[in-house]
Structures are given as C-alpha cells and as structure tokens.
C-alpha cells in the first residue's frame, strides 16, 4: 500500500471520529427546564358598595326671579338721584326725586277746596236741623225742610269728591319720590339728573328703553334685577319626566350648579316643572331656586347643571377604567388571592364621576384590574404595581 493512500485513510478516520464525538455530545447534553413567564404588571382597584346618585346633566341659564323696570308715574324734572348705579338697593328705598313743588301746590288747592266744602256742608246741616224744628211747629212749609235734606246730600257728595281729589293729589306727590319696588341689584342709569321724565306706555315699559313724548323722557329710568334668591332654568329629556315628577312630589330634588370650568358654585332645589313638553326638542323645562348668598350666580350666565333624580342604595361600583367592552358585552378582570386573573362578565347600569355602577357580576368586594388589561387572559399571573382608591360618588366635578 502506498504512503499516499495511508494518509488518506488516516484523515478519513480522524474526520469520522470527530463526527461521532460531536453526535454523542449533542444527544447526551443535559436537558434544560423551560422557565415560567414573568407576571404581567397591572394597576388594580377595589370594588365597593356605596350609595350612588342618579344624575342628569344639562346646561342651564341663570335668571332673575324679578326683573323690574323703574319708571316715573308723574311728569317733572329729576332733581335728585339717590343711589349709585350697580349697587344693591332695598325695597322701598328712594332712588329718584322728581320736582314735588307743583304737586304740593295742587295738594294745597284740593285741601283748601275740601275745607271750604266741609264748611258749606256744616252750614247746610245746621239749616236742615232748624228747618225740621220749624216744620214740626208749622212755622215753615214742609217742602222747604224736605228740600234742605237734598241740599245736605249734595254737599256731602261735594265733600266726598274733594276728599278723593285730595287723595289723588297726595298720591301724585308721593309719586315724586321714585322708590325701588323690589330688593335687588340696580343696573346702569338710563336717565340723567335734570331730565324731564313722565309716565310711559306699556311698550316702553316692556322694552326697557326710553322714548320722548311731549318733551318728557318716558320709559325705564333704571332696571333692578333680583339676585338673591335666583333661578336657574334648564331642560331635561322627556324620558326622565315621570321619575322626576314622582320624586319631586316626595321632596324637592337637589340641583348643583357648576361653572364652565367644572367648579361647584352652589346647591339649589327644583322649584318648577313646566306643564308641557317641548315637542320640537322632546325636553321639559325645569327651574331650580338658589339662595345665591354670595351672588356667585349672575343673571344671563350659562352654567352646568347636575340634577339628582334619585339615590341608588348600596350598589356595587368599580372605577370606570376597569370595565372593558367585548363581543359579548362588558367585562372586568378579577384578581384572586394567588394573583391570577379571571375574566368576569358584568352588567353596567350607569357611568358617572369616574365610576361604573355594576348591576350583575360583582359582589362589591373584589380586586379588579384598572390598567394593563390588554395583555391579560384567563389565569394570567399579574404583579399589582399600584392599587387605586375608588372614587367616592358625587365628589367629582361636573363633566
């Protein structure tokens, strides 16, 4: 055998031995055990039972209970303005003084006429008494005594007319002192000192604008709006009307007014349910009365309104973030004592203030996942990284 062939056999033998050693190493390597998947980090919260208000949200308009246009009832120039525009005024407080001198003179004339006619009546009554005595003595004709009776009656009528004229003159004199008919906030001054004012027509009264008639300015001299208390008017869908009427009959329903930024302004009570439904919008008008002691509500302002129709007693609730939507309805992931999760179908009856009201599916004592649900499945192990506190019902601001 040649040396070249021996070298070839030797190389082949070495290669075969290397292949055998590699195969033995592969098939006899130690078997490794697959590691368990790491727990999935989630945020959890505790379900709980609590009383939850049944809320209707709406947009309301603040309105004055009374909004009065103050006008002159007699003609004359304004000689005094006795208030500051924009200030609070009280009922009966004097606002303007119209020159009273012509009306004082007219009253003096009527009082003088009354005194004169009272004297004439007294004289006629004395004559009647004397004529009646003389008629009984047959000293005068009976007709003369009877005629004097009618003279006395005529003089009594004249005195009564004079008394009415005096009262009218006194009333006109009183009208020179223009007073506030209600307690409220005075607006801008619509007439100036020295203006000649007078009574206006009903059109001027309703529009609140001044017109000029016969040289005198007629119409509103100032507007007064009642601020305390005050109304908030709002509309709610007609589907709630039966429940609202039923609960309002038991006790006035509570209404919260919020600013546009969501801050609670004041709490009030429903004071009016309109007597018909708006067929165009399918809503019914409600009015709530607010004490408005600090004048936080202002006429014409738009506010967010939360009407509490009823209180659901001792219902199961979870944070709204815990509820997921699936093909078969809503569900939550409940965490058991071993930190494994189970998917539980639930029936949600309401969502408000960051909580969901659960009618079926939970007892109200479970731990539920509020964040991280999209990585979960039944029996997934979780690591609770944070537990959120449940939101107390009714403490959140208006949405």
Protein backbone atom coordinates (compact mmCIF):
# COMPACT_ATOMS: atom_id res chain seq x y z
CA UNK A 1 0.00 0.00 0.00
CA UNK A 2 1.33 3.34 -0.91
CA UNK A 3 2.08 6.04 1.56
CA UNK A 4 -0.39 8.45 -0.12
CA UNK A 5 -3.27 6.02 0.40
CA UNK A 6 -2.31 5.59 4.07
CA UNK A 7 -2.50 9.37 4.61
CA UNK A 8 -5.95 9.48 3.01
CA UNK A 9 -7.23 6.69 5.29
CA UNK A 10 -5.83 8.43 8.33
CA UNK A 11 -7.59 11.73 7.52
CA UNK A 12 -10.89 9.96 6.89
CA UNK A 13 -10.58 8.10 10.21
CA UNK A 14 -9.93 11.33 12.12
CA UNK A 15 -12.95 13.01 10.45
CA UNK A 16 -15.19 10.05 11.32
CA UNK A 17 -14.06 10.10 14.94
CA UNK A 18 -14.81 13.87 15.12
CA UNK A 19 -18.32 13.31 13.71
CA UNK A 20 -19.02 10.53 16.21
CA UNK A 21 -17.81 12.67 19.13
CA UNK A 22 -19.99 15.61 18.01
CA UNK A 23 -23.05 13.39 17.70
CA UNK A 24 -22.51 11.89 21.11
CA UNK A 25 -22.12 15.38 22.61
CA UNK A 26 -25.37 16.56 21.01
CA UNK A 27 -27.53 13.63 22.04
CA UNK A 28 -26.10 13.38 25.56
CA UNK A 29 -26.27 17.16 26.51
CA UNK A 30 -28.27 17.88 29.68
CA UNK A 31 -31.97 18.79 29.15
CA UNK A 32 -32.94 22.39 30.28
CA UNK A 33 -36.30 23.12 32.02
CA UNK A 34 -38.47 25.87 30.36
CA UNK A 35 -38.84 28.92 32.70
CA UNK A 36 -42.34 30.21 33.72
CA UNK A 37 -43.47 33.53 32.14
CA UNK A 38 -42.99 36.62 34.31
CA UNK A 39 -46.10 38.11 35.99
CA UNK A 40 -47.74 40.91 33.99
CA UNK A 41 -47.64 44.32 35.77
CA UNK A 42 -51.11 45.84 36.27
CA UNK A 43 -52.88 48.51 38.29
CA UNK A 44 -55.76 47.35 40.46
CA UNK A 45 -58.61 48.80 42.50
CA UNK A 46 -61.11 47.51 44.99
CA UNK A 47 -64.76 47.23 44.07
CA UNK A 48 -67.08 48.52 46.76
CA UNK A 49 -70.70 49.06 47.62
CA UNK A 50 -71.94 52.62 48.06
CA UNK A 51 -74.89 54.94 47.53
CA UNK A 52 -74.73 56.42 44.04
CA UNK A 53 -76.87 59.38 42.88
CA UNK A 54 -78.80 59.06 39.64
CA UNK A 55 -77.67 62.15 37.74
CA UNK A 56 -78.97 64.10 34.74
CA UNK A 57 -76.54 66.64 33.29
CA UNK A 58 -77.75 69.74 31.44
CA UNK A 59 -76.83 73.32 30.50
CA UNK A 60 -78.73 75.95 32.48
CA UNK A 61 -79.31 79.69 32.23
CA UNK A 62 -79.31 81.92 35.31
CA UNK A 63 -82.41 84.13 35.51
CA UNK A 64 -83.64 86.77 37.94
CA UNK A 65 -86.82 85.88 39.78
CA UNK A 66 -87.89 89.52 39.37
CA UNK A 67 -86.52 91.99 36.82
CA UNK A 68 -88.20 95.37 37.17
CA UNK A 69 -88.16 98.46 35.00
CA UNK A 70 -88.40 101.51 37.29
CA UNK A 71 -90.39 104.32 35.64
CA UNK A 72 -91.83 107.71 36.51
CA UNK A 73 -95.56 107.90 37.26
CA UNK A 74 -95.76 111.70 37.15
CA UNK A 75 -94.27 114.35 34.90
CA UNK A 76 -91.44 116.53 36.04
CA UNK A 77 -87.68 117.09 36.09
CA UNK A 78 -85.38 114.85 38.13
CA UNK A 79 -83.84 116.99 40.86
CA UNK A 80 -82.04 114.22 42.77
CA UNK A 81 -80.55 110.77 42.07
CA UNK A 82 -80.25 108.99 45.40
CA UNK A 83 -78.39 105.76 44.59
CA UNK A 84 -75.24 104.58 42.86
CA UNK A 85 -75.73 102.58 39.64
CA UNK A 86 -74.69 98.96 40.11
CA UNK A 87 -75.32 98.90 43.86
CA UNK A 88 -77.74 96.74 45.83
CA UNK A 89 -80.98 98.51 46.70
CA UNK A 90 -83.72 97.53 49.11
CA UNK A 91 -87.45 97.51 48.53
CA UNK A 92 -88.86 100.96 49.36
CA UNK A 93 -85.50 102.73 49.08
CA UNK A 94 -85.79 106.10 47.34
CA UNK A 95 -83.98 106.20 44.00
CA UNK A 96 -85.07 109.47 42.32
CA UNK A 97 -86.79 112.67 43.38
CA UNK A 98 -88.97 114.40 40.77
CA UNK A 99 -89.64 118.10 41.48
CA UNK A 100 -92.51 117.88 44.02
CA UNK A 101 -93.44 121.58 44.14
CA UNK A 102 -96.22 121.57 41.50
CA UNK A 103 -97.80 118.54 43.15
CA UNK A 104 -97.53 120.05 46.62
CA UNK A 105 -99.30 123.15 45.31
CA UNK A 106 -102.03 121.01 43.74
CA UNK A 107 -102.50 119.21 47.05
CA UNK A 108 -102.81 122.52 48.87
CA UNK A 109 -105.53 123.63 46.42
CA UNK A 110 -107.51 120.44 46.91
CA UNK A 111 -107.20 120.59 50.69
CA UNK A 112 -108.42 124.20 50.65
CA UNK A 113 -111.38 123.24 48.48
CA UNK A 114 -112.18 120.40 50.87
CA UNK A 115 -112.12 122.76 53.85
CA UNK A 116 -114.44 125.17 52.05
CA UNK A 117 -116.94 122.50 51.08
CA UNK A 118 -116.87 120.95 54.56
CA UNK A 119 -117.91 124.36 55.88
CA UNK A 120 -120.75 124.56 53.34
CA UNK A 121 -121.91 121.09 54.41
CA UNK A 122 -121.82 122.03 58.07
CA UNK A 123 -123.94 125.12 57.34
CA UNK A 124 -126.44 123.06 55.33
CA UNK A 125 -126.73 120.53 58.16
CA UNK A 126 -127.43 123.30 60.68
CA UNK A 127 -130.13 124.75 58.37
CA UNK A 128 -131.66 121.29 57.97
CA UNK A 129 -131.91 120.86 61.74
CA UNK A 130 -133.55 124.31 62.11
CA UNK A 131 -135.99 123.70 59.21
CA UNK A 132 -137.05 120.37 60.66
CA UNK A 133 -137.88 122.04 64.00
CA UNK A 134 -139.78 124.82 62.32
CA UNK A 135 -141.65 122.35 60.12
CA UNK A 136 -142.82 120.47 63.21
CA UNK A 137 -144.13 123.78 64.60
CA UNK A 138 -145.82 124.51 61.27
CA UNK A 139 -143.76 127.72 61.09
CA UNK A 140 -142.46 126.96 57.56
CA UNK A 141 -143.63 124.90 54.67
CA UNK A 142 -142.81 121.19 54.93
CA UNK A 143 -141.43 121.34 51.39
CA UNK A 144 -138.67 123.68 52.49
CA UNK A 145 -137.47 121.17 55.12
CA UNK A 146 -137.52 118.32 52.61
CA UNK A 147 -135.59 120.37 50.04
CA UNK A 148 -132.90 121.05 52.62
CA UNK A 149 -132.37 117.29 53.01
CA UNK A 150 -131.29 117.11 49.35
CA UNK A 151 -129.07 120.16 49.76
CA UNK A 152 -127.22 118.33 52.57
CA UNK A 153 -126.86 115.22 50.42
CA UNK A 154 -125.41 117.30 47.56
CA UNK A 155 -122.93 118.96 49.89
CA UNK A 156 -121.89 115.55 51.27
CA UNK A 157 -121.21 114.40 47.71
CA UNK A 158 -119.12 117.51 47.09
CA UNK A 159 -117.08 116.85 50.23
CA UNK A 160 -116.55 113.22 49.19
CA UNK A 161 -115.35 114.39 45.77
CA UNK A 162 -112.98 116.85 47.44
CA UNK A 163 -111.62 114.07 49.67
CA UNK A 164 -110.93 111.92 46.57
CA UNK A 165 -109.18 114.85 44.91
CA UNK A 166 -107.02 115.32 48.00
CA UNK A 167 -106.09 111.62 47.96
CA UNK A 168 -105.18 111.81 44.26
CA UNK A 169 -103.04 114.90 44.89
CA UNK A 170 -101.33 113.14 47.81
CA UNK A 171 -100.67 110.12 45.60
CA UNK A 172 -99.14 112.28 42.86
CA UNK A 173 -96.95 113.99 45.45
CA UNK A 174 -95.83 110.56 46.73
CA UNK A 175 -95.03 109.53 43.14
CA UNK A 176 -92.42 112.29 43.04
CA UNK A 177 -90.38 110.01 45.31
CA UNK A 178 -89.47 107.14 42.99
CA UNK A 179 -88.66 104.10 45.16
CA UNK A 180 -87.34 100.59 44.47
CA UNK A 181 -90.27 98.17 44.08
CA UNK A 182 -88.06 95.15 44.93
CA UNK A 183 -84.78 94.33 46.63
CA UNK A 184 -82.07 93.66 44.06
CA UNK A 185 -79.12 94.99 42.08
CA UNK A 186 -79.58 98.29 40.23
CA UNK A 187 -78.29 98.50 36.69
CA UNK A 188 -76.97 101.38 34.65
CA UNK A 189 -78.61 104.80 34.99
CA UNK A 190 -80.85 105.35 31.95
CA UNK A 191 -81.74 108.99 32.68
CA UNK A 192 -79.65 111.85 33.99
CA UNK A 193 -80.13 114.45 36.67
CA UNK A 194 -82.30 117.26 35.26
CA UNK A 195 -84.05 115.12 32.64
CA UNK A 196 -87.77 115.75 32.27
CA UNK A 197 -89.49 112.39 32.78
CA UNK A 198 -93.04 111.15 32.68
CA UNK A 199 -95.25 108.07 32.55
CA UNK A 200 -94.63 105.71 29.62
CA UNK A 201 -96.80 103.42 27.55
CA UNK A 202 -96.79 99.66 28.06
CA UNK A 203 -94.40 99.36 25.09
CA UNK A 204 -91.80 101.49 26.79
CA UNK A 205 -92.22 99.50 29.98
CA UNK A 206 -91.67 96.16 28.33
CA UNK A 207 -88.71 97.19 26.21
CA UNK A 208 -86.88 99.00 28.97
CA UNK A 209 -85.94 101.79 26.55
CA UNK A 210 -86.68 105.47 26.92
CA UNK A 211 -88.86 107.44 24.48
CA UNK A 212 -89.66 111.13 24.28
CA UNK A 213 -93.27 112.24 24.46
CA UNK A 214 -94.24 115.91 24.77
CA UNK A 215 -90.69 116.86 25.76
CA UNK A 216 -90.56 114.31 28.61
CA UNK A 217 -88.47 111.15 28.55
CA UNK A 218 -90.65 108.11 29.18
CA UNK A 219 -89.60 104.52 29.81
CA UNK A 220 -87.16 102.89 32.19
CA UNK A 221 -85.12 105.11 34.47
CA UNK A 222 -83.17 102.12 35.81
CA UNK A 223 -83.52 98.34 35.77
CA UNK A 224 -83.44 96.34 39.02
CA UNK A 225 -82.75 92.59 38.96
CA UNK A 226 -83.33 90.36 41.95
CA UNK A 227 -80.12 88.46 42.70
CA UNK A 228 -80.89 86.72 45.99
CA UNK A 229 -82.51 84.23 45.55
CA UNK A 230 -82.19 83.45 41.85
CA UNK A 231 -83.40 80.91 39.27
CA UNK A 232 -81.51 78.52 37.02
CA UNK A 233 -83.59 77.24 34.09
CA UNK A 234 -82.63 74.07 32.20
CA UNK A 235 -84.16 71.36 30.01
CA UNK A 236 -84.06 67.59 30.56
CA UNK A 237 -85.11 64.79 28.17
CA UNK A 238 -88.75 63.78 28.45
CA UNK A 239 -87.84 60.16 29.27
CA UNK A 240 -86.99 61.32 32.81
CA UNK A 241 -90.19 63.28 33.45
CA UNK A 242 -92.14 60.53 35.23
CA UNK A 243 -89.33 59.78 37.67
CA UNK A 244 -88.71 63.50 38.25
CA UNK A 245 -92.38 64.20 39.00
CA UNK A 246 -92.66 61.21 41.31
CA UNK A 247 -89.54 62.06 43.32
CA UNK A 248 -90.25 65.82 43.37
CA UNK A 249 -93.62 65.10 44.96
CA UNK A 250 -91.84 63.39 47.87
CA UNK A 251 -89.20 66.11 48.38
CA UNK A 252 -87.67 68.89 46.23
CA UNK A 253 -84.90 67.44 44.08
CA UNK A 254 -81.34 68.70 44.53
CA UNK A 255 -79.63 70.61 41.73
CA UNK A 256 -75.93 71.50 41.64
CA UNK A 257 -74.71 74.43 39.56
CA UNK A 258 -71.16 74.26 38.21
CA UNK A 259 -69.04 76.82 36.39
CA UNK A 260 -67.86 76.17 32.84
CA UNK A 261 -64.55 75.10 34.39
CA UNK A 262 -66.35 72.40 36.41
CA UNK A 263 -66.20 74.10 39.83
CA UNK A 264 -69.23 73.72 42.10
CA UNK A 265 -70.87 77.12 42.56
CA UNK A 266 -73.91 76.36 44.73
CA UNK A 267 -76.58 73.81 45.53
CA UNK A 268 -80.27 74.50 44.95
CA UNK A 269 -83.67 72.80 44.74
CA UNK A 270 -86.10 72.20 41.88
CA UNK A 271 -88.95 74.70 42.24
CA UNK A 272 -90.75 74.35 38.88
CA UNK A 273 -91.57 71.55 36.46
CA UNK A 274 -93.14 73.06 33.35
CA UNK A 275 -96.68 71.97 32.49
CA UNK A 276 -95.85 70.81 28.96
CA UNK A 277 -93.13 69.11 26.95
CA UNK A 278 -91.43 70.95 24.09
CA UNK A 279 -92.49 68.90 21.07
CA UNK A 280 -89.63 70.30 18.98
CA UNK A 281 -86.82 69.19 21.29
CA UNK A 282 -88.54 66.46 23.29
CA UNK A 283 -87.49 68.10 26.55
CA UNK A 284 -89.22 69.61 29.56
CA UNK A 285 -88.25 72.89 31.25
CA UNK A 286 -87.22 72.84 34.92
CA UNK A 287 -86.32 75.71 37.22
CA UNK A 288 -84.22 75.45 40.35
CA UNK A 289 -84.01 78.10 43.06
CA UNK A 290 -80.64 79.02 44.60
CA UNK A 291 -80.12 81.19 47.69
CA UNK A 292 -77.11 82.85 45.98
CA UNK A 293 -75.99 84.48 49.22
CA UNK A 294 -72.60 85.46 47.80
CA UNK A 295 -74.03 86.46 44.38
CA UNK A 296 -71.88 83.85 42.61
CA UNK A 297 -74.69 83.22 40.11
CA UNK A 298 -75.33 86.13 37.75
CA UNK A 299 -78.38 86.74 35.52
CA UNK A 300 -77.79 85.59 31.95
CA UNK A 301 -74.88 83.32 32.88
CA UNK A 302 -74.62 79.80 31.43
CA UNK A 303 -73.85 77.09 33.98
CA UNK A 304 -73.54 73.32 34.01
CA UNK A 305 -76.37 71.69 35.92
CA UNK A 306 -76.46 68.31 37.67
CA UNK A 307 -79.93 67.16 38.69
CA UNK A 308 -80.03 64.35 41.26
CA UNK A 309 -83.19 62.40 40.40
CA UNK A 310 -82.73 59.59 42.94
CA UNK A 311 -80.18 57.72 45.06
CA UNK A 312 -79.25 54.13 44.24
CA UNK A 313 -78.70 52.45 47.61
CA UNK A 314 -75.77 50.12 48.34
CA UNK A 315 -74.84 49.25 44.74
CA UNK A 316 -71.60 47.60 43.56
CA UNK A 317 -69.20 50.05 41.91
CA UNK A 318 -65.76 49.89 40.27
CA UNK A 319 -63.57 52.54 38.64
CA UNK A 320 -64.80 53.14 35.13
CA UNK A 321 -61.37 52.22 33.72
CA UNK A 322 -61.83 48.64 34.96
CA UNK A 323 -64.72 47.94 32.57
CA UNK A 324 -63.79 46.59 29.15
CA UNK A 325 -66.01 46.12 26.09
CA UNK A 326 -66.08 42.71 24.43
CA UNK A 327 -68.13 40.92 21.76
CA UNK A 328 -70.43 39.55 24.46
CA UNK A 329 -70.76 42.79 26.41
CA UNK A 330 -68.86 44.41 29.25
CA UNK A 331 -66.38 42.53 31.42
CA UNK A 332 -63.70 43.05 34.07
CA UNK A 333 -60.62 41.13 35.17
CA UNK A 334 -60.88 39.99 38.79
CA UNK A 335 -57.66 39.21 40.71
CA UNK A 336 -57.80 36.19 43.04
CA UNK A 337 -55.68 35.52 46.12
CA UNK A 338 -52.93 33.90 44.00
CA UNK A 339 -52.63 36.98 41.79
CA UNK A 340 -54.24 35.15 38.88
CA UNK A 341 -56.91 36.99 36.90
CA UNK A 342 -60.30 35.75 35.74
CA UNK A 343 -62.49 37.40 33.16
CA UNK A 344 -65.97 38.16 34.60
CA UNK A 345 -68.90 39.43 32.54
CA UNK A 346 -70.75 42.35 34.17
CA UNK A 347 -73.88 44.41 33.57
CA UNK A 348 -73.23 48.17 33.80
CA UNK A 349 -76.24 50.37 34.55
CA UNK A 350 -74.54 53.78 34.76
CA UNK A 351 -71.19 55.54 34.38
CA UNK A 352 -70.53 58.82 36.13
CA UNK A 353 -67.86 60.65 38.11
CA UNK A 354 -65.27 58.08 37.07
CA UNK A 355 -67.14 55.05 38.43
CA UNK A 356 -69.28 52.36 36.84
CA UNK A 357 -72.37 51.00 38.62
CA UNK A 358 -72.49 47.19 38.34
CA UNK A 359 -75.90 45.55 38.46
CA UNK A 360 -74.73 41.96 37.90
CA UNK A 361 -71.40 40.11 38.01
CA UNK A 362 -69.70 41.50 41.12
CA UNK A 363 -70.45 41.36 44.82
CA UNK A 364 -68.62 44.60 45.52
CA UNK A 365 -65.60 43.24 47.40
CA UNK A 366 -63.31 42.08 44.55
CA UNK A 367 -59.99 43.41 43.32
CA UNK A 368 -60.24 44.38 39.67
CA UNK A 369 -57.65 45.41 37.10
CA UNK A 370 -57.87 49.05 36.04
CA UNK A 371 -54.82 49.29 33.77
CA UNK A 372 -52.92 46.69 31.72
CA UNK A 373 -55.93 44.57 30.70
CA UNK A 374 -54.91 44.29 27.03
CA UNK A 375 -52.08 41.87 27.89
CA UNK A 376 -54.24 39.62 30.04
CA UNK A 377 -56.14 36.40 29.54
CA UNK A 378 -57.87 33.98 31.91
CA UNK A 379 -55.49 32.64 34.59
CA UNK A 380 -52.75 35.11 33.69
CA UNK A 381 -50.47 35.88 36.60
CA UNK A 382 -50.17 39.55 37.47
CA UNK A 383 -47.99 41.77 39.60
CA UNK A 384 -50.03 44.59 41.12
CA UNK A 385 -47.81 47.65 40.87
CA UNK A 386 -50.38 50.08 42.27
CA UNK A 387 -53.79 49.96 43.88
CA UNK A 388 -56.08 52.91 43.18
CA UNK A 389 -58.68 54.09 45.64
CA UNK A 390 -62.32 54.03 44.49
CA UNK A 391 -63.83 57.40 43.61
CA UNK A 392 -66.48 58.43 46.18
CA UNK A 393 -69.73 59.09 44.38
CA UNK A 394 -70.80 62.71 43.99
CA UNK A 395 -67.38 64.28 44.79
CA UNK A 396 -66.17 64.78 41.24
CA UNK A 397 -66.81 67.97 39.30
CA UNK A 398 -69.40 68.17 36.52
CA UNK A 399 -68.29 66.65 33.24
